[in-house]
Protein backbone atom coordinates (compact mmCIF):
# COMPACT_ATOMS: atom_id res chain seq x y z
CA MET A 1 4.32 45.53 87.51
CA LYS A 2 0.73 46.61 88.13
CA VAL A 3 -2.34 45.05 86.51
CA TYR A 4 -5.94 46.24 86.75
CA LEU A 5 -8.55 43.62 87.65
CA ASN A 6 -11.91 44.47 89.18
CA ASP A 7 -14.08 41.43 88.44
CA PRO A 8 -13.99 37.88 89.80
CA ILE A 9 -12.10 35.31 87.73
CA ALA A 10 -11.15 31.67 88.32
CA LEU A 11 -9.24 31.27 91.58
CA SER A 12 -6.42 29.42 89.82
CA ALA A 13 -5.95 32.35 87.42
CA LEU A 14 -6.13 34.87 90.25
CA ALA A 15 -3.44 33.00 92.19
CA ARG A 16 -1.11 33.04 89.17
CA LEU A 17 -1.55 36.78 88.79
CA LYS A 18 -0.97 37.50 92.49
CA ALA A 19 2.25 35.49 92.42
CA HIS A 20 3.82 37.70 89.74
CA VAL A 21 2.15 41.14 89.60
CA GLU A 22 0.55 43.74 91.81
CA LEU A 23 -3.22 43.78 91.28
CA THR A 24 -5.38 46.87 91.64
CA ASP A 25 -9.12 47.37 91.33
CA ARG A 26 -8.73 51.12 90.72
CA LEU A 27 -8.89 52.54 87.23
CA ASP A 28 -8.53 56.19 88.24
CA ARG A 29 -4.74 56.18 87.75
CA PRO A 30 -4.29 54.32 84.46
CA GLU A 31 -0.84 55.84 83.94
CA GLU A 32 0.44 53.37 86.58
CA LEU A 33 -0.91 50.28 84.83
CA ASP A 34 1.12 47.81 82.79
CA ALA A 35 -1.94 45.80 81.73
CA ILE A 36 -5.72 46.05 82.02
CA ILE A 37 -8.05 43.07 82.36
CA VAL A 38 -11.69 43.78 81.50
CA ARG A 39 -14.64 41.53 82.24
CA GLN A 40 -17.67 43.68 83.11
CA GLN A 41 -16.00 47.08 83.44
CA TYR A 42 -15.67 49.60 80.60
CA CYS A 43 -12.30 50.74 79.31
CA THR A 44 -12.95 54.23 77.94
CA ALA A 45 -11.00 56.41 75.54
CA ASP A 46 -9.90 58.68 78.40
CA VAL A 47 -8.50 55.76 80.40
CA ILE A 48 -6.71 54.36 77.36
CA ARG A 49 -5.09 57.67 76.40
CA ARG A 50 -3.73 58.07 79.93
CA ALA A 51 -2.42 54.50 80.13
CA LYS A 52 1.02 55.32 78.72
CA ARG A 53 2.71 52.27 80.29
CA CYS A 54 0.00 49.79 79.34
CA ARG A 55 1.16 46.95 77.12
CA LEU A 56 -2.14 45.07 76.84
CA ILE A 57 -5.89 45.47 77.30
CA GLN A 58 -7.20 41.95 77.81
CA GLN A 59 -10.89 41.06 77.56
CA HIS A 60 -12.04 38.18 79.78
CA GLY A 61 -14.37 36.73 77.17
CA THR A 62 -15.13 37.41 73.53
CA GLY A 63 -17.09 40.66 73.13
CA LEU A 64 -15.04 43.84 72.87
CA ASP A 65 -17.92 46.33 73.12
CA ARG A 66 -16.74 47.49 76.57
CA ILE A 67 -13.34 48.55 75.21
CA ASP A 68 -12.72 51.56 72.98
CA VAL A 69 -10.80 49.50 70.46
CA LYS A 70 -10.22 52.37 68.02
CA THR A 71 -8.58 54.53 70.67
CA ALA A 72 -6.43 51.60 71.80
CA ALA A 73 -5.25 51.06 68.22
CA ALA A 74 -4.45 54.75 67.86
CA CYS A 75 -2.42 54.60 71.08
CA GLY A 76 -0.60 51.45 70.00
CA ILE A 77 -2.02 49.29 72.80
CA PRO A 78 -2.90 45.72 71.76
CA VAL A 79 -6.42 44.50 72.60
CA LYS A 80 -7.01 40.78 72.93
CA ASN A 81 -9.94 38.55 73.83
CA THR A 82 -10.38 34.83 74.51
CA PRO A 83 -12.36 33.37 71.59
CA GLY A 84 -13.68 29.87 72.07
CA THR A 85 -12.90 29.43 75.77
CA ASN A 86 -16.55 29.64 76.85
CA SER A 87 -18.24 28.71 73.58
CA ARG A 88 -19.41 25.27 74.69
CA SER A 89 -20.92 26.64 77.89
CA VAL A 90 -22.79 29.39 76.03
CA ALA A 91 -23.94 26.89 73.42
CA GLU A 92 -25.31 24.51 76.06
CA TYR A 93 -27.15 27.37 77.79
CA THR A 94 -28.58 28.50 74.45
CA VAL A 95 -29.99 25.03 73.80
CA ALA A 96 -31.24 24.88 77.39
CA MET A 97 -33.23 28.05 76.76
CA MET A 98 -34.63 26.60 73.54
CA LEU A 99 -35.72 23.44 75.38
CA ASP A 100 -37.17 25.39 78.30
CA LEU A 101 -39.26 27.63 76.06
CA SER A 102 -40.33 24.73 73.84
CA ARG A 103 -41.45 22.52 76.73
CA LYS A 104 -42.50 25.41 79.02
CA VAL A 105 -40.34 24.06 81.85
CA THR A 106 -40.05 27.27 83.86
CA GLU A 107 -43.65 28.30 83.19
CA ILE A 108 -44.99 24.93 84.37
CA ASP A 109 -42.72 25.00 87.44
CA LYS A 110 -44.05 28.43 88.47
CA LYS A 111 -47.69 27.44 87.97
CA THR A 112 -47.24 24.12 89.76
CA ARG A 113 -45.79 25.91 92.81
CA LYS A 114 -48.81 28.24 92.85
CA GLY A 115 -51.34 25.40 92.48
CA LEU A 116 -52.48 26.66 89.10
CA LEU A 117 -52.27 23.28 87.35
CA PRO A 118 -54.86 21.13 89.14
CA ARG A 119 -54.82 18.22 86.72
CA PHE A 120 -52.66 16.35 84.24
CA GLY A 121 -52.79 17.10 80.53
CA MET A 122 -53.99 20.70 80.56
CA ALA A 123 -53.66 22.39 77.16
CA GLU A 124 -51.40 25.14 78.49
CA THR A 125 -48.76 22.56 79.44
CA VAL A 126 -48.40 21.14 75.93
CA GLY A 127 -45.09 22.03 74.30
CA CYS A 128 -43.22 21.14 71.12
CA GLU A 129 -40.18 19.07 70.21
CA LEU A 130 -36.94 20.44 68.84
CA THR A 131 -36.36 17.28 66.82
CA GLY A 132 -36.55 17.82 63.07
CA LYS A 133 -37.13 21.56 63.33
CA ARG A 134 -35.30 24.39 61.57
CA LEU A 135 -32.69 26.44 63.41
CA GLY A 136 -31.58 29.85 62.22
CA LEU A 137 -28.25 31.27 63.36
CA ILE A 138 -27.31 34.93 63.29
CA GLY A 139 -23.53 34.71 63.29
CA SER A 140 -21.17 31.84 62.52
CA GLY A 141 -18.42 31.93 65.14
CA HIS A 142 -17.37 29.36 67.76
CA ILE A 143 -20.61 29.55 69.76
CA ALA A 144 -22.90 29.44 66.75
CA ARG A 145 -21.06 26.39 65.41
CA ASP A 146 -21.29 24.62 68.77
CA VAL A 147 -25.03 25.34 68.97
CA ALA A 148 -25.43 23.95 65.47
CA GLN A 149 -23.46 20.81 66.31
CA ILE A 150 -25.60 20.10 69.39
CA CYS A 151 -28.83 20.71 67.48
CA LYS A 152 -27.82 18.68 64.43
CA ASP A 153 -26.43 15.72 66.36
CA GLY A 154 -28.97 15.71 69.19
CA PHE A 155 -32.16 16.84 67.46
CA ARG A 156 -31.56 16.29 63.73
CA MET A 157 -32.26 19.98 63.12
CA GLU A 158 -31.72 21.67 59.77
CA VAL A 159 -29.47 24.71 60.25
CA TYR A 160 -29.73 28.00 58.39
CA CYS A 161 -27.29 30.87 58.90
CA HIS A 162 -27.07 34.61 58.29
CA SER A 163 -23.57 36.03 58.61
CA ALA A 164 -22.37 39.45 57.52
CA ARG A 165 -18.78 38.24 57.73
CA ARG A 166 -18.96 35.14 55.52
CA SER A 167 -19.93 34.46 51.93
CA ASP A 168 -22.69 32.00 51.04
CA GLU A 169 -19.99 29.60 49.90
CA ASP A 170 -18.25 29.79 53.28
CA ILE A 171 -21.55 29.25 55.10
CA ARG A 172 -22.27 26.15 53.01
CA ALA A 173 -18.76 24.88 53.78
CA LEU A 174 -19.68 25.00 57.48
CA GLY A 175 -22.65 22.76 56.76
CA PHE A 176 -25.30 25.49 57.01
CA ILE A 177 -27.85 26.86 54.55
CA PRO A 178 -27.26 30.57 53.76
CA ALA A 179 -30.23 32.84 54.46
CA SER A 180 -31.12 36.50 54.81
CA LEU A 181 -32.42 37.84 58.11
CA SER A 182 -35.98 37.92 56.83
CA GLU A 183 -35.67 34.35 55.55
CA LEU A 184 -34.45 33.16 58.98
CA PHE A 185 -37.46 34.69 60.69
CA SER A 186 -39.99 33.57 58.11
CA SER A 187 -38.84 29.98 57.59
CA CYS A 188 -37.17 28.83 60.84
CA ASP A 189 -38.68 27.49 64.07
CA TYR A 190 -35.84 28.87 66.22
CA VAL A 191 -33.49 31.81 65.76
CA SER A 192 -30.40 32.09 67.95
CA ILE A 193 -28.22 35.22 68.00
CA HIS A 194 -24.41 34.88 68.10
CA CYS A 195 -22.89 38.02 66.58
CA LEU A 196 -20.89 40.93 67.98
CA LEU A 197 -22.51 44.17 69.13
CA THR A 198 -21.27 47.06 66.99
CA PRO A 199 -22.86 50.34 65.90
CA GLU A 200 -23.93 48.51 62.73
CA THR A 201 -25.58 45.59 64.57
CA ARG A 202 -27.37 47.55 67.33
CA HIS A 203 -31.08 46.64 67.13
CA LEU A 204 -30.27 44.28 64.26
CA VAL A 205 -33.30 42.26 65.37
CA GLY A 206 -36.25 44.62 65.44
CA ARG A 207 -39.67 45.28 63.97
CA ALA A 208 -38.73 44.34 60.42
CA CYS A 209 -37.64 40.88 61.58
CA PHE A 210 -40.74 40.37 63.70
CA GLU A 211 -43.03 41.44 60.86
CA ALA A 212 -41.45 38.70 58.76
CA CYS A 213 -41.47 35.90 61.33
CA ASN A 214 -43.78 32.93 61.50
CA PRO A 215 -45.90 32.80 64.69
CA ARG A 216 -44.27 29.52 65.86
CA LEU A 217 -40.82 31.08 66.08
CA ILE A 218 -38.79 31.03 69.31
CA LEU A 219 -35.98 33.59 69.61
CA VAL A 220 -32.93 33.22 71.88
CA ASN A 221 -30.19 35.80 72.48
CA THR A 222 -27.09 34.86 74.48
CA ALA A 223 -24.80 37.38 72.74
CA ARG A 224 -25.37 41.06 73.64
CA GLY A 225 -28.51 42.87 74.72
CA GLY A 226 -28.29 45.76 72.27
CA LEU A 227 -28.69 43.39 69.33
CA VAL A 228 -32.44 43.14 70.02
CA ASP A 229 -34.90 46.03 70.08
CA GLU A 230 -36.68 45.18 73.35
CA ASP A 231 -39.71 47.39 72.66
CA ALA A 232 -40.26 45.65 69.35
CA LEU A 233 -39.71 42.27 71.03
CA TYR A 234 -42.39 43.01 73.61
CA GLU A 235 -44.84 43.99 70.88
CA ALA A 236 -44.10 40.79 68.95
CA LEU A 237 -44.54 38.57 72.03
CA THR A 238 -47.84 40.18 73.04
CA SER A 239 -49.30 40.40 69.54
CA GLY A 240 -48.74 36.75 68.62
CA LYS A 241 -46.16 37.49 65.93
CA LEU A 242 -43.55 35.59 67.98
CA ALA A 243 -44.23 32.47 70.05
CA ALA A 244 -41.60 32.96 72.76
CA ALA A 245 -38.20 34.46 73.48
CA GLY A 246 -35.32 34.07 75.89
CA LEU A 247 -32.73 36.77 76.63
CA ASP A 248 -29.64 36.11 78.69
CA VAL A 249 -28.58 39.69 77.97
CA PHE A 250 -30.47 42.99 78.09
CA GLU A 251 -29.89 46.53 76.88
CA GLN A 252 -29.81 47.54 80.55
CA GLN A 253 -27.84 45.10 82.71
CA PRO A 254 -29.38 44.06 85.02
CA PRO A 255 -32.84 44.70 83.59
CA SER A 256 -35.13 46.93 85.61
CA THR A 257 -37.71 44.98 87.59
CA ASP A 258 -40.42 46.93 85.75
CA ASN A 259 -39.10 45.85 82.33
CA PRO A 260 -42.36 44.74 80.63
CA LEU A 261 -40.72 41.64 79.17
CA LEU A 262 -40.35 40.20 82.67
CA SER A 263 -44.14 40.11 83.07
CA LEU A 264 -44.69 37.75 80.13
CA GLU A 265 -45.20 33.99 80.46
CA ASN A 266 -43.71 33.39 77.01
CA PHE A 267 -40.47 35.11 77.95
CA LEU A 268 -37.43 33.61 79.72
CA ALA A 269 -34.84 35.85 81.40
CA GLY A 270 -31.21 35.18 82.18
CA MET A 271 -28.55 37.42 83.71
CA HIS A 272 -25.57 37.18 81.33
CA VAL A 273 -24.73 33.77 82.77
CA ALA A 274 -24.55 31.62 79.64
CA GLY A 275 -20.77 31.37 79.83
CA SER A 276 -20.63 30.96 83.60
CA THR A 277 -19.55 27.40 84.22
CA ASN A 278 -16.58 26.21 86.25
CA GLU A 279 -15.02 24.71 83.16
CA ALA A 280 -15.39 27.85 81.02
CA LEU A 281 -14.10 30.13 83.77
CA GLU A 282 -11.01 27.96 84.20
CA ARG A 283 -10.29 27.97 80.45
CA THR A 284 -10.91 31.69 80.12
CA GLY A 285 -8.90 32.58 83.22
CA LYS A 286 -5.92 30.57 81.99
CA ALA A 287 -6.08 32.20 78.56
CA VAL A 288 -6.28 35.68 80.10
CA VAL A 289 -3.28 35.16 82.38
CA ASP A 290 -1.24 33.51 79.62
CA SER A 291 -1.89 36.53 77.41
CA VAL A 292 -1.02 39.07 80.12
CA PHE A 293 2.18 37.25 81.06
CA GLU A 294 3.25 37.04 77.41
CA ALA A 295 2.70 40.78 76.97
CA LEU A 296 4.63 41.60 80.15
CA GLY A 297 7.44 39.10 79.55
CA ILE A 298 6.63 37.06 82.65
CA ASP A 299 7.48 33.37 82.83
CA GLY A 300 4.68 32.06 85.02
C-alpha cells in the first residue's frame, strides 16, 4: 500500500510507516495512493477527486484549512486530525509570548546586544505583570483551555471567552466568563486566539476589534494567520490603540522580510512553531500512524 507523506514527522512514527507501507512524497499521481498525510502541504479538490483508492486523508495537527474537506466528503473519503496532541505545547508557547511581550524580553535582549541600554532602570525596560490580569480567549478548544489553566493557576488571571460554537451556559461550565468580541478587546488585558480558520472567521480580528480595544491590550495569535487582518494590526500597533502583539502565524507563510509588522518593537514574530516540541511531535506522530493503520487495516 502507498501513502503520501512530504513533511517531516517524528522519527518513531516515520519508522512505523516505513515498516508497513510504501511512502511517496509525490502528489501528482493521487490515483495510486491508499492514504494521504498532510502537515504543511495542501490537499486540493483535484487531488481528492483523482484519489479513487484513498481510504483516509490524515491531518498531522488540528487545523483542516489545507484540506478541501467538502470535496473529500462528497467523494466519501474520511478526513481526520489529531486534536489535543500538541495543545499543551501550543499553550505554553502562547503564554511564553504573553510573558515576552509583557516583560519586553526580546526587545531588551536586542537593545542590550546593540549597546542601547547604557544603564539600569531605564523607562523603556519597564514591563507589566500577568498576575491578576484579565485574559480573553477567542475559541474554547483544547489549546484555549490549556492556556486558561496555566494562566489561572500560575497567574491568578480572570478568564473571559468568546466562542461561536458554545452557548454562554457551556462557557460558564468551563469556568470562563462569556463575552462578545468587542467586550474581550475593551475589557481584557490579553486576548489569545484559538479558533479554526474558515471563510467565516477570516479576518475575524480586524479594525472593528482594534477600535474597541483598550490601549494596554496585548494580542497573541498561535492559531492561523488569516484570522487577523495584518494591515489593521499594523495600524493599531503604530497608532497606540494596541500595546503589543505576537503572531506565530501569518497570512503569508513565511512572512515577507518587508512585512511592516517585522519592523515594530512592540511586535513579536514566530514561524508556526508553537506546537513544535519533541513531546508534541511524538504524540502527534503516533496518533497519525495509528489512524492511518486503522484505516488501512494494518496491525502495526
